[in-house]
N, C-alpha and C. Protein backbone atom coordinates (compact mmCIF):
# COMPACT_ATOMS: atom_id res chain seq x y z
N MET A 1 -16.03 11.31 6.65
CA MET A 1 -17.21 10.69 6.95
C MET A 1 -16.75 9.93 8.13
N PRO A 2 -17.03 10.07 9.24
CA PRO A 2 -16.70 9.41 10.48
C PRO A 2 -17.38 8.00 10.36
N PHE A 3 -16.78 6.89 11.07
CA PHE A 3 -17.53 5.75 11.39
C PHE A 3 -17.03 5.43 12.64
N VAL A 4 -17.69 4.36 13.29
CA VAL A 4 -17.41 3.61 14.64
C VAL A 4 -17.10 2.23 14.44
N ILE A 5 -16.17 1.80 15.20
CA ILE A 5 -15.80 0.37 15.02
C ILE A 5 -16.19 -0.37 16.52
N PHE A 6 -16.81 -1.46 16.53
CA PHE A 6 -16.91 -1.88 17.66
C PHE A 6 -16.34 -3.20 17.85
N HIS A 7 -15.23 -3.37 17.27
CA HIS A 7 -14.40 -4.56 17.76
C HIS A 7 -12.75 -4.25 17.33
N PRO A 8 -11.94 -4.70 18.24
CA PRO A 8 -10.49 -4.20 18.05
C PRO A 8 -9.71 -5.16 16.68
N GLY A 9 -10.13 -4.75 15.78
CA GLY A 9 -9.27 -5.88 14.77
C GLY A 9 -9.24 -4.89 13.24
N PRO A 10 -9.00 -5.73 12.22
CA PRO A 10 -8.62 -4.70 10.96
C PRO A 10 -9.79 -4.35 10.18
N VAL A 11 -9.97 -3.38 9.67
CA VAL A 11 -11.17 -2.75 8.86
C VAL A 11 -10.62 -2.77 7.46
N VAL A 12 -11.60 -3.26 6.38
CA VAL A 12 -11.57 -3.40 5.24
C VAL A 12 -12.89 -3.01 4.58
N MET A 13 -12.83 -1.87 3.64
CA MET A 13 -14.10 -1.44 2.96
C MET A 13 -13.99 -1.67 1.71
N HIS A 14 -15.08 -1.71 1.00
CA HIS A 14 -15.23 -1.97 -0.44
C HIS A 14 -16.49 -1.39 -0.97
N LEU A 15 -16.25 -1.16 -2.54
CA LEU A 15 -17.60 -0.22 -2.83
C LEU A 15 -17.83 -1.16 -4.21
N SER A 16 -19.36 -1.30 -4.75
CA SER A 16 -19.32 -1.96 -5.87
C SER A 16 -20.45 -1.00 -6.43
N LYS A 17 -20.45 -0.77 -7.74
CA LYS A 17 -21.16 0.40 -8.50
C LYS A 17 -22.35 -0.48 -9.02
N VAL A 18 -23.43 0.45 -9.00
CA VAL A 18 -24.81 -0.33 -9.26
C VAL A 18 -24.62 -0.14 -10.84
N PRO A 19 -25.24 -1.35 -11.42
CA PRO A 19 -24.97 -1.22 -13.02
C PRO A 19 -25.96 -0.29 -13.28
N LYS A 20 -25.35 0.17 -14.51
CA LYS A 20 -26.52 1.23 -15.30
C LYS A 20 -28.04 0.64 -15.44
N GLY A 21 -29.11 1.37 -15.14
CA GLY A 21 -30.38 0.65 -15.54
C GLY A 21 -30.87 -0.19 -14.20
N GLN A 22 -29.87 -0.42 -13.35
CA GLN A 22 -30.57 -0.95 -12.04
C GLN A 22 -30.98 -0.14 -11.12
N ASP A 23 -31.90 -0.41 -10.13
CA ASP A 23 -32.15 0.41 -9.00
C ASP A 23 -31.34 0.24 -7.60
N ILE A 24 -30.85 1.11 -7.05
CA ILE A 24 -29.88 1.00 -6.15
C ILE A 24 -30.55 0.14 -4.74
N HIS A 25 -31.78 0.31 -4.97
CA HIS A 25 -32.29 -0.44 -3.70
C HIS A 25 -32.54 -2.22 -3.92
N LYS A 26 -32.35 -2.41 -5.41
CA LYS A 26 -32.69 -4.08 -5.52
C LYS A 26 -31.30 -4.35 -6.03
N TYR A 27 -30.19 -3.81 -6.24
CA TYR A 27 -29.11 -4.30 -6.48
C TYR A 27 -28.63 -5.37 -5.49
N ASP A 28 -28.09 -6.62 -5.99
CA ASP A 28 -27.74 -7.55 -5.24
C ASP A 28 -26.25 -7.50 -4.93
N GLY A 29 -25.64 -6.81 -5.33
CA GLY A 29 -23.93 -6.74 -4.98
C GLY A 29 -23.27 -7.74 -6.08
N SER A 30 -23.97 -8.14 -7.06
CA SER A 30 -23.25 -9.16 -8.08
C SER A 30 -22.31 -8.92 -8.87
N GLY A 31 -21.97 -7.30 -8.86
CA GLY A 31 -21.10 -6.76 -9.73
C GLY A 31 -19.58 -6.86 -9.27
N GLU A 32 -18.89 -6.07 -9.92
CA GLU A 32 -17.56 -5.96 -9.64
C GLU A 32 -17.34 -5.11 -8.18
N TRP A 33 -16.14 -5.32 -7.42
CA TRP A 33 -16.11 -4.70 -6.25
C TRP A 33 -14.67 -4.15 -6.22
N VAL A 34 -14.37 -3.05 -5.47
CA VAL A 34 -12.87 -2.45 -5.37
C VAL A 34 -12.87 -2.31 -4.01
N LYS A 35 -11.51 -2.29 -3.46
CA LYS A 35 -11.54 -2.15 -2.18
C LYS A 35 -10.89 -0.61 -1.99
N ILE A 36 -11.48 0.07 -1.16
CA ILE A 36 -11.34 1.50 -1.22
C ILE A 36 -10.53 1.96 0.07
N TYR A 37 -10.51 1.04 1.13
CA TYR A 37 -9.86 1.52 2.50
C TYR A 37 -9.59 0.18 3.32
N THR A 38 -8.39 0.49 3.87
CA THR A 38 -7.92 -0.41 4.83
C THR A 38 -7.41 -0.20 6.21
N LEU A 39 -7.35 -0.58 7.20
CA LEU A 39 -6.87 -0.05 8.35
C LEU A 39 -6.60 -1.26 9.10
N GLY A 40 -5.39 -1.19 9.69
CA GLY A 40 -4.93 -2.56 10.22
C GLY A 40 -4.23 -2.50 11.81
N LEU A 41 -3.22 -2.64 11.88
CA LEU A 41 -2.30 -2.53 13.28
C LEU A 41 -1.00 -2.04 12.98
N GLU A 42 -0.44 -1.77 13.98
CA GLU A 42 1.04 -1.09 14.15
C GLU A 42 1.49 -2.23 15.26
N ILE A 43 2.93 -2.25 14.94
CA ILE A 43 3.63 -2.90 16.23
C ILE A 43 4.42 -1.65 16.77
N ARG A 44 4.02 -1.38 18.05
CA ARG A 44 4.63 -0.52 19.13
C ARG A 44 5.44 -1.16 20.04
N LYS A 45 6.64 -1.30 20.10
CA LYS A 45 7.57 -1.96 20.96
C LYS A 45 7.41 -1.37 22.30
N GLU A 46 7.13 -0.08 22.21
CA GLU A 46 7.24 0.67 23.78
C GLU A 46 6.02 0.32 24.45
N LEU A 47 5.11 -0.23 24.07
CA LEU A 47 3.64 -0.75 24.93
C LEU A 47 4.08 -2.23 25.24
N TYR A 48 3.45 -2.34 26.35
CA TYR A 48 3.25 -3.83 27.29
C TYR A 48 3.02 -4.64 26.01
N TYR A 49 1.73 -4.55 25.44
CA TYR A 49 1.06 -5.57 24.50
C TYR A 49 1.60 -4.75 23.25
N PRO A 50 2.47 -4.95 22.30
CA PRO A 50 2.99 -4.47 21.16
C PRO A 50 2.06 -3.99 20.09
N VAL A 51 1.00 -4.95 19.92
CA VAL A 51 0.08 -5.06 18.85
C VAL A 51 -0.85 -4.00 19.31
N PHE A 52 -0.92 -2.76 18.48
CA PHE A 52 -1.90 -1.93 18.62
C PHE A 52 -2.73 -1.45 17.31
N TRP A 53 -4.10 -1.94 17.65
CA TRP A 53 -5.10 -2.03 16.59
C TRP A 53 -5.35 -0.67 16.38
N LEU A 54 -5.28 0.07 14.98
CA LEU A 54 -5.58 1.24 14.86
C LEU A 54 -7.10 1.68 14.90
N PRO A 55 -7.83 0.54 14.62
CA PRO A 55 -9.54 1.14 14.73
C PRO A 55 -9.68 1.64 16.20
N GLU A 56 -9.02 1.10 17.19
CA GLU A 56 -9.55 1.57 18.38
C GLU A 56 -9.43 3.16 18.66
N ASN A 57 -8.60 3.65 17.61
CA ASN A 57 -8.58 5.28 17.73
C ASN A 57 -9.71 5.97 17.07
N GLY A 58 -10.64 5.28 16.48
CA GLY A 58 -11.56 6.01 16.09
C GLY A 58 -11.30 6.18 14.57
N GLY A 59 -11.98 6.54 13.87
CA GLY A 59 -11.80 6.64 12.16
C GLY A 59 -12.25 7.70 11.35
N GLN A 60 -11.71 7.97 10.28
CA GLN A 60 -12.15 8.82 9.15
C GLN A 60 -12.00 8.41 7.96
N LEU A 61 -13.29 8.23 7.45
CA LEU A 61 -12.84 7.71 5.93
C LEU A 61 -13.13 8.47 4.70
N GLN A 62 -12.11 9.05 4.03
CA GLN A 62 -12.24 9.92 2.88
C GLN A 62 -12.48 8.97 1.69
N LEU A 63 -14.04 9.26 0.87
CA LEU A 63 -14.15 8.65 -0.10
C LEU A 63 -13.25 9.24 -1.45
N PRO A 64 -12.82 8.16 -2.18
CA PRO A 64 -12.06 8.47 -3.36
C PRO A 64 -12.84 9.71 -4.18
N PRO A 65 -12.08 10.63 -4.81
CA PRO A 65 -12.77 11.92 -5.56
C PRO A 65 -13.99 11.33 -6.47
N ARG A 66 -13.61 10.31 -7.16
CA ARG A 66 -14.62 9.92 -8.26
C ARG A 66 -15.99 9.04 -7.70
N VAL A 67 -16.02 9.04 -6.35
CA VAL A 67 -17.20 8.40 -5.86
C VAL A 67 -18.08 9.29 -5.22
N SER A 68 -19.24 9.35 -5.65
CA SER A 68 -20.27 10.46 -5.08
C SER A 68 -20.98 9.86 -3.97
N PRO A 69 -21.36 10.62 -2.67
CA PRO A 69 -21.77 10.24 -1.70
C PRO A 69 -23.27 9.44 -1.70
């Protein structure tokens, strides 16, 4: 699942399961959340500016196997 990032900073993604019996379109997100993805930075001493934000490279997100798209 490709995604586009429009800022040079970290990316953190979370998911929350819609409780049984609730409509996904009416779910307010008040359930439990779990972090599924983190993308941050690398320190690259060979660069003039050694902080290299990984999101600037574009990204691919692989959903955990137990998550249906």
